[in-house]
């Protein structure tokens, strides 16, 4: 049986949902990551930055855009450093300006991904997977890639069956 690592970045609090900003107690990506764990097992690891993003949604997206422009790698509170026991790495995050938050790349840059299977999941409000798959291929060309899935953030709580079926297909 393959061993799975589920890396995720998720935003609680103010989020864009179906055209307006709403306060979420749990981020959409965290919900989807838990669905993966329920379906195929594995270790969950939440990516968390040292510098906290603004609670205000609009300030947060401005900061995220600046990080993307700079290709920044924000410092994390903790890192996964050894992935030797994992076969599959689910890479989960919200779509921020067409790709993962830069903090996701901060974590991935610390890992030896040669031959590891990266499986992308992105929550979004209309962007789908954006450029996330392209970016993973560009930055980590020696990894193997599973099929990505895009989960509409507003529907995250209702996506359990879809996410679980997809996750099972990726590890078989």
N, C-alpha and C. Protein backbone atom coordinates (compact mmCIF):
# COMPACT_ATOMS: atom_id res chain seq x y z
N UNK A 1 0.85 -1.19 0.00
CA UNK A 1 0.00 0.00 0.00
C UNK A 1 0.89 1.24 0.00
N UNK A 2 0.54 2.19 -0.83
CA UNK A 2 1.35 3.40 -0.94
C UNK A 2 1.08 4.31 0.26
N UNK A 3 2.10 5.10 0.58
CA UNK A 3 2.02 6.03 1.69
C UNK A 3 1.80 7.43 1.14
N UNK A 4 0.86 8.16 1.72
CA UNK A 4 0.44 9.45 1.20
C UNK A 4 0.74 10.59 2.17
N UNK A 5 1.22 11.69 1.60
CA UNK A 5 1.38 12.94 2.33
C UNK A 5 0.43 13.94 1.69
N UNK A 6 -0.33 14.62 2.52
CA UNK A 6 -1.29 15.60 2.03
C UNK A 6 -0.85 16.97 2.54
N UNK A 7 -0.17 17.72 1.68
CA UNK A 7 0.29 19.07 1.99
C UNK A 7 -0.83 20.03 1.61
N UNK A 8 -1.14 20.96 2.49
CA UNK A 8 -2.17 21.93 2.11
C UNK A 8 -1.94 23.28 2.75
N UNK A 9 -2.32 24.30 2.01
CA UNK A 9 -2.42 25.65 2.53
C UNK A 9 -3.89 26.01 2.41
N UNK A 10 -4.45 26.58 3.47
CA UNK A 10 -5.87 26.92 3.45
C UNK A 10 -6.08 28.22 4.22
N UNK A 11 -7.04 29.01 3.76
CA UNK A 11 -7.32 30.29 4.41
C UNK A 11 -8.65 30.24 5.14
N UNK A 12 -8.58 30.45 6.44
CA UNK A 12 -9.78 30.62 7.26
C UNK A 12 -10.12 32.11 7.24
N UNK A 13 -11.29 32.45 7.71
CA UNK A 13 -11.67 33.85 7.79
C UNK A 13 -12.25 34.35 6.48
N UNK A 14 -11.94 35.60 6.14
CA UNK A 14 -12.54 36.22 4.95
C UNK A 14 -12.05 35.53 3.68
N UNK A 15 -13.01 35.07 2.89
CA UNK A 15 -12.76 34.42 1.60
C UNK A 15 -13.81 34.89 0.60
N UNK A 16 -13.45 34.82 -0.66
CA UNK A 16 -14.37 35.14 -1.74
C UNK A 16 -15.21 33.90 -2.01
N UNK A 17 -16.53 34.03 -1.92
CA UNK A 17 -17.44 32.90 -2.11
C UNK A 17 -18.61 33.36 -2.96
N UNK A 18 -18.71 32.79 -4.16
CA UNK A 18 -19.85 33.08 -5.05
C UNK A 18 -20.14 34.58 -5.20
N UNK A 19 -19.10 35.36 -5.39
CA UNK A 19 -19.30 36.77 -5.69
C UNK A 19 -19.27 37.72 -4.52
N UNK A 20 -19.12 37.21 -3.30
CA UNK A 20 -19.01 38.12 -2.16
C UNK A 20 -18.02 37.55 -1.14
N UNK A 21 -17.61 38.39 -0.23
CA UNK A 21 -16.65 37.98 0.80
C UNK A 21 -17.43 37.45 2.01
N UNK A 22 -17.06 36.24 2.44
CA UNK A 22 -17.71 35.61 3.59
C UNK A 22 -16.65 35.13 4.56
N UNK A 23 -17.04 35.01 5.81
CA UNK A 23 -16.13 34.56 6.86
C UNK A 23 -16.28 33.05 7.02
N UNK A 24 -15.20 32.31 6.78
CA UNK A 24 -15.22 30.85 6.87
C UNK A 24 -14.51 30.39 8.14
N UNK A 25 -15.15 29.52 8.90
CA UNK A 25 -14.53 28.97 10.11
C UNK A 25 -13.41 28.00 9.75
N UNK A 26 -13.56 27.32 8.62
CA UNK A 26 -12.55 26.38 8.13
C UNK A 26 -12.37 26.66 6.65
N UNK A 27 -11.13 26.73 6.20
CA UNK A 27 -10.86 27.02 4.80
C UNK A 27 -11.29 25.88 3.88
N UNK A 28 -11.65 26.22 2.67
CA UNK A 28 -12.12 25.24 1.69
C UNK A 28 -11.06 24.18 1.37
N UNK A 29 -9.81 24.59 1.29
CA UNK A 29 -8.76 23.62 0.96
C UNK A 29 -8.56 22.64 2.10
N UNK A 30 -8.66 23.10 3.33
CA UNK A 30 -8.54 22.20 4.47
C UNK A 30 -9.65 21.14 4.43
N UNK A 31 -10.84 21.55 4.09
CA UNK A 31 -11.96 20.60 3.97
C UNK A 31 -11.64 19.54 2.93
N UNK A 32 -11.16 19.97 1.76
CA UNK A 32 -10.83 19.03 0.69
C UNK A 32 -9.68 18.11 1.08
N UNK A 33 -8.67 18.65 1.78
CA UNK A 33 -7.53 17.84 2.23
C UNK A 33 -8.00 16.75 3.19
N UNK A 34 -8.92 17.08 4.05
CA UNK A 34 -9.46 16.08 4.98
C UNK A 34 -10.24 15.00 4.23
N UNK A 35 -10.93 15.37 3.17
CA UNK A 35 -11.62 14.37 2.34
C UNK A 35 -10.62 13.40 1.73
N UNK A 36 -9.48 13.92 1.29
CA UNK A 36 -8.42 13.05 0.73
C UNK A 36 -7.96 12.06 1.80
N UNK A 37 -7.67 12.59 2.98
CA UNK A 37 -7.20 11.71 4.06
C UNK A 37 -8.23 10.64 4.40
N UNK A 38 -9.50 11.00 4.42
CA UNK A 38 -10.55 10.02 4.70
C UNK A 38 -10.60 8.94 3.63
N UNK A 39 -10.32 9.31 2.40
CA UNK A 39 -10.44 8.37 1.28
C UNK A 39 -9.26 7.43 1.17
N UNK A 40 -8.04 7.94 1.33
CA UNK A 40 -6.85 7.12 1.03
C UNK A 40 -5.86 7.04 2.19
N UNK A 41 -6.16 7.70 3.29
CA UNK A 41 -5.23 7.71 4.41
C UNK A 41 -4.04 8.59 4.11
N UNK A 42 -3.19 8.74 5.09
CA UNK A 42 -2.00 9.55 4.91
C UNK A 42 -1.86 10.60 5.98
N UNK A 43 -0.75 11.29 5.92
CA UNK A 43 -0.44 12.33 6.89
C UNK A 43 -0.81 13.70 6.33
N UNK A 44 -1.56 14.46 7.12
CA UNK A 44 -1.90 15.84 6.77
C UNK A 44 -0.82 16.77 7.29
N UNK A 45 -0.42 17.73 6.47
CA UNK A 45 0.52 18.75 6.91
C UNK A 45 0.02 20.10 6.42
N UNK A 46 -0.30 20.98 7.38
CA UNK A 46 -0.78 22.32 7.02
C UNK A 46 0.41 23.25 6.86
N UNK A 47 0.50 23.89 5.72
CA UNK A 47 1.52 24.89 5.43
C UNK A 47 1.05 26.20 6.06
N UNK A 48 1.89 26.78 6.91
CA UNK A 48 1.52 27.98 7.64
C UNK A 48 2.69 28.95 7.62
N UNK A 49 2.45 30.17 7.24
CA UNK A 49 3.51 31.17 7.13
C UNK A 49 3.83 31.83 8.46
N UNK A 50 5.08 32.24 8.61
CA UNK A 50 5.50 32.98 9.79
C UNK A 50 4.79 34.33 9.82
N UNK A 51 4.83 35.02 8.71
CA UNK A 51 4.12 36.31 8.61
C UNK A 51 2.66 36.01 8.28
N UNK A 52 1.80 36.45 9.14
CA UNK A 52 0.37 36.20 8.96
C UNK A 52 -0.19 37.14 7.88
N UNK A 53 -0.97 36.57 6.98
CA UNK A 53 -1.63 37.42 5.99
C UNK A 53 -2.74 38.23 6.67
N UNK A 54 -3.07 39.35 6.08
CA UNK A 54 -4.12 40.21 6.62
C UNK A 54 -5.43 39.43 6.75
N UNK A 55 -6.17 39.76 7.78
CA UNK A 55 -7.51 39.17 7.94
C UNK A 55 -8.46 39.71 6.88
N UNK A 56 -8.16 40.91 6.39
CA UNK A 56 -8.97 41.53 5.34
C UNK A 56 -8.69 40.83 4.01
N UNK A 57 -9.72 40.30 3.39
CA UNK A 57 -9.56 39.54 2.16
C UNK A 57 -8.83 40.34 1.08
N UNK A 58 -9.24 41.58 0.88
CA UNK A 58 -8.67 42.37 -0.21
C UNK A 58 -7.20 42.72 0.04
N UNK A 59 -6.83 42.97 1.27
CA UNK A 59 -5.41 43.19 1.58
C UNK A 59 -4.61 41.91 1.37
N UNK A 60 -5.20 40.79 1.73
CA UNK A 60 -4.53 39.50 1.55
C UNK A 60 -4.25 39.23 0.08
N UNK A 61 -5.23 39.48 -0.78
CA UNK A 61 -4.99 39.18 -2.20
C UNK A 61 -3.98 40.15 -2.81
N UNK A 62 -3.92 41.37 -2.29
CA UNK A 62 -2.88 42.29 -2.75
C UNK A 62 -1.49 41.77 -2.37
N UNK A 63 -1.37 41.29 -1.13
CA UNK A 63 -0.09 40.71 -0.68
C UNK A 63 0.26 39.47 -1.51
N UNK A 64 -0.73 38.64 -1.79
CA UNK A 64 -0.51 37.43 -2.58
C UNK A 64 -0.05 37.78 -4.00
N UNK A 65 -0.61 38.82 -4.56
CA UNK A 65 -0.21 39.24 -5.91
C UNK A 65 1.24 39.74 -5.90
N UNK A 66 1.61 40.49 -4.88
CA UNK A 66 2.99 40.98 -4.77
C UNK A 66 3.96 39.81 -4.62
N UNK A 67 3.61 38.81 -3.81
CA UNK A 67 4.46 37.63 -3.66
C UNK A 67 4.63 36.89 -4.98
N UNK A 68 3.55 36.77 -5.72
CA UNK A 68 3.62 36.09 -7.01
C UNK A 68 4.54 36.84 -7.97
N UNK A 69 4.37 38.15 -8.05
CA UNK A 69 5.22 38.97 -8.92
C UNK A 69 6.70 38.79 -8.59
N UNK A 70 7.00 38.71 -7.31
CA UNK A 70 8.39 38.58 -6.84
C UNK A 70 8.86 37.13 -6.83
N UNK A 71 7.95 36.19 -7.11
CA UNK A 71 8.25 34.76 -6.94
C UNK A 71 8.83 34.51 -5.55
N UNK A 72 8.21 35.16 -4.57
CA UNK A 72 8.66 35.09 -3.18
C UNK A 72 8.49 33.67 -2.64
N UNK A 73 9.26 33.38 -1.63
CA UNK A 73 9.14 32.13 -0.90
C UNK A 73 9.03 32.50 0.58
N UNK A 74 7.80 32.81 1.03
CA UNK A 74 7.63 33.24 2.41
C UNK A 74 8.06 32.15 3.41
N UNK A 75 8.64 32.59 4.51
CA UNK A 75 9.10 31.65 5.53
C UNK A 75 7.91 30.96 6.19
N UNK A 76 8.09 29.68 6.49
CA UNK A 76 7.03 28.89 7.12
C UNK A 76 7.34 28.65 8.59
N UNK A 77 6.30 28.41 9.37
CA UNK A 77 6.47 28.11 10.79
C UNK A 77 7.10 26.74 10.99
N UNK A 78 6.82 25.82 10.09
CA UNK A 78 7.34 24.46 10.18
C UNK A 78 7.44 23.90 8.77
N UNK A 79 8.31 22.91 8.62
CA UNK A 79 8.53 22.32 7.30
C UNK A 79 8.50 20.80 7.40
N UNK A 80 8.01 20.16 6.36
CA UNK A 80 8.25 18.73 6.18
C UNK A 80 9.63 18.66 5.54
N UNK A 81 10.52 17.83 6.08
CA UNK A 81 11.88 17.77 5.54
C UNK A 81 12.22 16.42 4.93
N UNK A 82 11.61 15.37 5.42
CA UNK A 82 11.92 14.03 4.92
C UNK A 82 10.66 13.39 4.36
N UNK A 83 10.67 13.14 3.06
CA UNK A 83 9.51 12.51 2.43
C UNK A 83 9.85 11.13 1.89
N UNK A 84 10.93 10.55 2.39
CA UNK A 84 11.39 9.26 1.87
C UNK A 84 10.35 8.15 2.04
N UNK A 85 9.51 8.25 3.06
CA UNK A 85 8.53 7.19 3.29
C UNK A 85 7.24 7.37 2.47
N UNK A 86 7.14 8.47 1.73
CA UNK A 86 5.92 8.74 0.97
C UNK A 86 6.08 8.40 -0.50
N UNK A 87 5.02 7.85 -1.09
CA UNK A 87 4.97 7.60 -2.52
C UNK A 87 4.24 8.72 -3.24
N UNK A 88 3.16 9.19 -2.62
CA UNK A 88 2.28 10.18 -3.23
C UNK A 88 2.23 11.43 -2.37
N UNK A 89 2.31 12.58 -3.03
CA UNK A 89 2.21 13.85 -2.32
C UNK A 89 1.08 14.65 -2.95
N UNK A 90 -0.01 14.77 -2.21
CA UNK A 90 -1.11 15.61 -2.64
C UNK A 90 -0.73 17.05 -2.33
N UNK A 91 -0.81 17.92 -3.32
CA UNK A 91 -0.44 19.32 -3.17
C UNK A 91 -1.72 20.13 -3.29
N UNK A 92 -2.19 20.65 -2.17
CA UNK A 92 -3.52 21.27 -2.10
C UNK A 92 -3.41 22.75 -1.71
N UNK A 93 -4.12 23.57 -2.44
CA UNK A 93 -4.12 24.99 -2.11
C UNK A 93 -5.22 25.73 -2.84
N UNK A 94 -5.49 26.94 -2.39
CA UNK A 94 -6.44 27.79 -3.10
C UNK A 94 -5.78 28.43 -4.32
N UNK A 95 -6.57 28.78 -5.28
CA UNK A 95 -6.05 29.46 -6.46
C UNK A 95 -5.89 30.94 -6.13
N UNK A 96 -4.63 31.37 -6.01
CA UNK A 96 -4.32 32.77 -5.75
C UNK A 96 -3.62 33.31 -6.99
N UNK A 97 -4.31 34.12 -7.74
CA UNK A 97 -3.77 34.72 -8.95
C UNK A 97 -3.30 33.65 -9.95
N UNK A 98 -4.08 32.58 -10.05
CA UNK A 98 -3.83 31.59 -11.09
C UNK A 98 -2.91 30.44 -10.71
N UNK A 99 -2.43 30.41 -9.49
CA UNK A 99 -1.55 29.32 -9.06
C UNK A 99 -1.65 29.15 -7.55
N UNK A 100 -0.81 28.29 -7.02
CA UNK A 100 -0.77 28.09 -5.58
C UNK A 100 -0.23 29.33 -4.87
N UNK A 101 -0.61 29.53 -3.60
CA UNK A 101 0.07 30.56 -2.81
C UNK A 101 1.57 30.25 -2.78
N UNK A 102 2.38 31.26 -2.77
CA UNK A 102 3.83 31.07 -2.82
C UNK A 102 4.34 30.22 -1.66
N UNK A 103 3.63 30.20 -0.54
CA UNK A 103 4.03 29.38 0.60
C UNK A 103 4.06 27.89 0.24
N UNK A 104 3.20 27.46 -0.67
CA UNK A 104 3.20 26.06 -1.10
C UNK A 104 4.53 25.75 -1.79
N UNK A 105 4.98 26.67 -2.63
CA UNK A 105 6.26 26.46 -3.31
C UNK A 105 7.44 26.52 -2.32
N UNK A 106 7.31 27.35 -1.27
CA UNK A 106 8.34 27.38 -0.23
C UNK A 106 8.54 25.97 0.32
N UNK A 107 7.45 25.29 0.64
CA UNK A 107 7.55 23.94 1.19
C UNK A 107 8.09 22.97 0.14
N UNK A 108 7.56 22.99 -1.04
CA UNK A 108 7.98 22.04 -2.08
C UNK A 108 9.47 22.20 -2.42
N UNK A 109 9.95 23.44 -2.41
CA UNK A 109 11.36 23.69 -2.72
C UNK A 109 12.31 23.00 -1.74
N UNK A 110 11.85 22.71 -0.53
CA UNK A 110 12.68 22.08 0.50
C UNK A 110 12.77 20.56 0.35
N UNK A 111 12.04 20.00 -0.60
CA UNK A 111 11.91 18.54 -0.70
C UNK A 111 12.61 17.97 -1.93
N UNK A 112 13.08 16.75 -1.80
CA UNK A 112 13.61 16.02 -2.94
C UNK A 112 12.43 15.31 -3.59
N UNK A 113 11.92 15.88 -4.66
CA UNK A 113 10.71 15.37 -5.31
C UNK A 113 11.01 14.42 -6.47
N UNK A 114 12.27 14.10 -6.69
CA UNK A 114 12.63 13.20 -7.79
C UNK A 114 11.88 11.89 -7.66
N UNK A 115 11.08 11.58 -8.67
CA UNK A 115 10.35 10.32 -8.71
C UNK A 115 9.12 10.26 -7.83
N UNK A 116 8.86 11.30 -7.05
CA UNK A 116 7.66 11.33 -6.21
C UNK A 116 6.46 11.73 -7.08
N UNK A 117 5.30 11.18 -6.75
CA UNK A 117 4.09 11.51 -7.49
C UNK A 117 3.42 12.70 -6.82
N UNK A 118 3.35 13.82 -7.55
CA UNK A 118 2.66 15.02 -7.09
C UNK A 118 1.25 15.01 -7.66
N UNK A 119 0.28 15.22 -6.79
CA UNK A 119 -1.12 15.17 -7.19
C UNK A 119 -1.78 16.48 -6.78
N UNK A 120 -2.07 17.34 -7.77
CA UNK A 120 -2.58 18.67 -7.45
C UNK A 120 -4.09 18.72 -7.19
N UNK A 121 -4.44 19.48 -6.15
CA UNK A 121 -5.82 19.85 -5.88
C UNK A 121 -5.83 21.35 -5.65
N UNK A 122 -6.77 22.01 -6.30
CA UNK A 122 -6.89 23.45 -6.13
C UNK A 122 -8.34 23.81 -5.88
N UNK A 123 -8.57 24.61 -4.83
CA UNK A 123 -9.89 25.17 -4.62
C UNK A 123 -9.92 26.54 -5.29
N UNK A 124 -11.07 26.92 -5.79
CA UNK A 124 -11.14 28.13 -6.61
C UNK A 124 -12.57 28.67 -6.63
N UNK A 125 -12.70 29.88 -7.13
CA UNK A 125 -14.01 30.49 -7.33
C UNK A 125 -14.23 30.82 -8.80
N UNK A 126 -13.67 30.03 -9.68
CA UNK A 126 -13.89 30.21 -11.11
C UNK A 126 -12.66 29.99 -11.96
N UNK A 127 -11.50 29.82 -11.35
CA UNK A 127 -10.25 29.69 -12.09
C UNK A 127 -9.85 28.25 -12.38
N UNK A 128 -10.57 27.29 -11.85
CA UNK A 128 -10.18 25.90 -12.04
C UNK A 128 -8.80 25.65 -11.46
N UNK A 129 -8.01 24.87 -12.17
CA UNK A 129 -6.63 24.59 -11.74
C UNK A 129 -5.68 25.72 -12.08
N UNK A 130 -6.16 26.71 -12.85
CA UNK A 130 -5.30 27.82 -13.23
C UNK A 130 -4.02 27.30 -13.86
N UNK A 131 -2.89 27.87 -13.47
CA UNK A 131 -1.58 27.46 -13.99
C UNK A 131 -0.85 26.54 -13.00
N UNK A 132 -1.56 26.02 -12.02
CA UNK A 132 -0.91 25.24 -10.96
C UNK A 132 -0.18 24.02 -11.50
N UNK A 133 -0.78 23.29 -12.41
CA UNK A 133 -0.14 22.09 -12.96
C UNK A 133 1.09 22.48 -13.77
N UNK A 134 0.95 23.51 -14.58
CA UNK A 134 2.09 24.00 -15.35
C UNK A 134 3.24 24.42 -14.43
N UNK A 135 2.90 25.12 -13.35
CA UNK A 135 3.93 25.58 -12.42
C UNK A 135 4.61 24.42 -11.70
N UNK A 136 3.86 23.42 -11.30
CA UNK A 136 4.47 22.25 -10.67
C UNK A 136 5.44 21.58 -11.64
N UNK A 137 5.01 21.42 -12.88
CA UNK A 137 5.89 20.81 -13.90
C UNK A 137 7.14 21.65 -14.14
N UNK A 138 6.99 22.96 -14.13
CA UNK A 138 8.12 23.86 -14.38
C UNK A 138 9.13 23.81 -13.24
N UNK A 139 8.65 23.88 -12.01
CA UNK A 139 9.55 23.95 -10.86
C UNK A 139 10.08 22.59 -10.41
N UNK A 140 9.35 21.52 -10.71
CA UNK A 140 9.73 20.19 -10.21
C UNK A 140 9.67 19.16 -11.34
N UNK A 141 10.50 19.33 -12.36
CA UNK A 141 10.42 18.50 -13.56
C UNK A 141 10.77 17.03 -13.34
N UNK A 142 11.41 16.71 -12.24
CA UNK A 142 11.78 15.32 -12.00
C UNK A 142 10.74 14.55 -11.19
N UNK A 143 9.64 15.19 -10.90
CA UNK A 143 8.54 14.51 -10.22
C UNK A 143 7.67 13.82 -11.26
N UNK A 144 6.81 12.95 -10.78
CA UNK A 144 5.79 12.30 -11.61
C UNK A 144 4.49 12.98 -11.23
N UNK A 145 3.58 13.13 -12.19
CA UNK A 145 2.38 13.90 -11.89
C UNK A 145 1.12 13.08 -12.06
N UNK A 146 0.27 13.19 -11.04
CA UNK A 146 -1.06 12.61 -11.11
C UNK A 146 -2.01 13.61 -11.75
N UNK A 147 -3.23 13.19 -11.92
CA UNK A 147 -4.25 14.05 -12.51
C UNK A 147 -4.76 15.02 -11.46
N UNK A 148 -4.79 16.28 -11.79
CA UNK A 148 -5.26 17.29 -10.86
C UNK A 148 -6.77 17.39 -10.82
N UNK A 149 -7.25 18.00 -9.76
CA UNK A 149 -8.68 18.26 -9.63
C UNK A 149 -8.88 19.69 -9.13
N UNK A 150 -9.89 20.34 -9.66
CA UNK A 150 -10.28 21.67 -9.22
C UNK A 150 -11.61 21.55 -8.48
N UNK A 151 -11.66 22.10 -7.28
CA UNK A 151 -12.86 22.04 -6.46
C UNK A 151 -13.37 23.47 -6.28
N UNK A 152 -14.60 23.72 -6.72
CA UNK A 152 -15.19 25.04 -6.54
C UNK A 152 -15.33 25.30 -5.04
N UNK A 153 -14.66 26.34 -4.56
CA UNK A 153 -14.60 26.61 -3.13
C UNK A 153 -15.96 26.67 -2.46
N UNK A 154 -16.91 27.33 -3.08
CA UNK A 154 -18.23 27.46 -2.49
C UNK A 154 -18.92 26.10 -2.34
N UNK A 155 -18.46 25.12 -3.09
CA UNK A 155 -19.04 23.78 -3.04
C UNK A 155 -18.15 22.79 -2.30
N UNK A 156 -17.09 23.26 -1.64
CA UNK A 156 -16.13 22.36 -1.00
C UNK A 156 -16.80 21.39 -0.04
N UNK A 157 -17.69 21.88 0.79
CA UNK A 157 -18.33 21.01 1.78
C UNK A 157 -19.17 19.91 1.12
N UNK A 158 -19.62 20.15 -0.10
CA UNK A 158 -20.45 19.17 -0.81
C UNK A 158 -19.63 18.29 -1.76
N UNK A 159 -18.31 18.44 -1.76
CA UNK A 159 -17.47 17.75 -2.75
C UNK A 159 -16.87 16.45 -2.25
N UNK A 160 -17.29 15.99 -1.09
CA UNK A 160 -16.65 14.82 -0.47
C UNK A 160 -16.59 13.62 -1.41
N UNK A 161 -17.70 13.24 -1.99
CA UNK A 161 -17.72 12.04 -2.84
C UNK A 161 -16.80 12.22 -4.05
N UNK A 162 -16.86 13.36 -4.69
CA UNK A 162 -16.03 13.63 -5.87
C UNK A 162 -14.54 13.58 -5.51
N UNK A 163 -14.17 14.25 -4.42
CA UNK A 163 -12.76 14.30 -4.01
C UNK A 163 -12.29 12.91 -3.61
N UNK A 164 -13.10 12.18 -2.87
CA UNK A 164 -12.69 10.84 -2.44
C UNK A 164 -12.51 9.90 -3.63
N UNK A 165 -13.43 9.91 -4.58
CA UNK A 165 -13.29 9.05 -5.77
C UNK A 165 -12.03 9.41 -6.56
N UNK A 166 -11.79 10.71 -6.74
CA UNK A 166 -10.60 11.17 -7.45
C UNK A 166 -9.33 10.73 -6.73
N UNK A 167 -9.28 10.93 -5.40
CA UNK A 167 -8.08 10.56 -4.64
C UNK A 167 -7.79 9.07 -4.76
N UNK A 168 -8.80 8.25 -4.69
CA UNK A 168 -8.60 6.79 -4.81
C UNK A 168 -8.04 6.43 -6.17
N UNK A 169 -8.50 7.11 -7.22
CA UNK A 169 -7.98 6.84 -8.58
C UNK A 169 -6.50 7.22 -8.68
N UNK A 170 -6.07 8.24 -7.95
CA UNK A 170 -4.69 8.72 -8.05
C UNK A 170 -3.68 7.79 -7.39
N UNK A 171 -4.10 7.04 -6.39
CA UNK A 171 -3.15 6.20 -5.66
C UNK A 171 -3.21 4.73 -6.08
N UNK A 172 -4.09 4.39 -6.99
CA UNK A 172 -4.18 3.00 -7.46
C UNK A 172 -3.40 2.80 -8.73
